[in-house]
Protein backbone atom coordinates (compact mmCIF):
# COMPACT_ATOMS: atom_id res chain seq x y z
CA UNK A 1 -0.16 -0.15 0.10
CA UNK A 2 2.76 2.31 0.86
CA UNK A 3 4.26 2.04 -2.87
CA UNK A 4 0.72 3.61 -4.18
CA UNK A 5 1.11 6.30 -1.67
CA UNK A 6 4.65 7.19 -1.06
CA UNK A 7 3.85 10.11 1.37
CA UNK A 8 1.08 8.37 3.28
CA UNK A 9 1.83 8.91 7.41
CA UNK A 10 2.29 5.36 8.76
CA UNK A 11 1.92 5.19 12.82
CA UNK A 12 3.13 2.17 14.49
CA UNK A 13 2.09 1.91 18.23
CA UNK A 14 3.42 -1.00 20.29
CA UNK A 15 2.53 -1.60 23.54
CA UNK A 16 5.73 -2.87 26.10
CA UNK A 17 5.16 -4.97 29.31
CA UNK A 18 2.20 -4.26 31.39
CA UNK A 19 0.70 -1.60 29.24
CA UNK A 20 2.37 1.16 31.48
CA UNK A 21 4.81 1.82 28.91
CA UNK A 22 4.39 2.32 24.81
CA UNK A 23 6.72 2.96 22.01
CA UNK A 24 6.16 3.20 18.25
CA UNK A 25 7.42 4.99 15.34
CA UNK A 26 6.03 7.28 12.49
CA UNK A 27 7.24 6.72 9.10
CA UNK A 28 6.54 9.06 6.12
CA UNK A 29 6.99 6.61 3.05
CA UNK A 30 9.91 4.51 3.99
CA UNK A 31 11.52 7.09 5.87
CA UNK A 32 11.11 7.31 9.87
CA UNK A 33 10.43 10.80 11.18
CA UNK A 34 9.28 10.48 14.54
CA UNK A 35 10.23 7.87 17.37
CA UNK A 36 8.42 7.95 20.73
CA UNK A 37 9.18 6.12 23.80
CA UNK A 38 7.18 7.03 27.01
CA UNK A 39 6.20 5.59 30.19
CA UNK A 40 2.38 6.12 31.07
CA UNK A 41 1.60 7.57 34.33
CA UNK A 42 -2.05 6.54 34.09
CA UNK A 43 -4.66 4.75 31.66
CA UNK A 44 -6.13 8.35 30.88
CA UNK A 45 -7.10 8.71 27.28
CA UNK A 46 -5.62 11.93 27.54
CA UNK A 47 -2.25 10.05 27.16
CA UNK A 48 -3.27 9.24 23.87
CA UNK A 49 -4.85 12.34 22.77
CA UNK A 50 -1.36 14.32 23.50
CA UNK A 51 0.42 11.63 21.67
CA UNK A 52 -1.90 12.44 18.25
CA UNK A 53 -1.56 16.33 18.91
CA UNK A 54 2.44 15.77 19.09
CA UNK A 55 2.45 13.70 15.77
CA UNK A 56 -0.31 16.13 14.10
CA UNK A 57 2.66 18.77 15.18
CA UNK A 58 5.30 16.61 13.57
CA UNK A 59 3.50 16.13 10.40
CA UNK A 60 2.43 19.77 10.00
CA UNK A 61 6.26 21.12 10.77
CA UNK A 62 7.06 18.65 7.97
CA UNK A 63 4.73 20.10 5.87
CA UNK A 64 6.10 23.45 6.24
CA UNK A 65 9.79 22.67 5.70
CA UNK A 66 8.77 21.45 1.92
């Protein structure tokens, strides 16, 4: 699928150990552009929202560079 859309952002989220830590990568085509590795202090959905906002800002910064 990425061959058809080379600039398609792909976010992979991997849960580690007992779901208190999460790690993931954001790819643009085949290029890794963002890596996160963070320990969650709660099960709050706010953590995931903050992560997604960070990803959106990263994508926006990349778009503004071009």
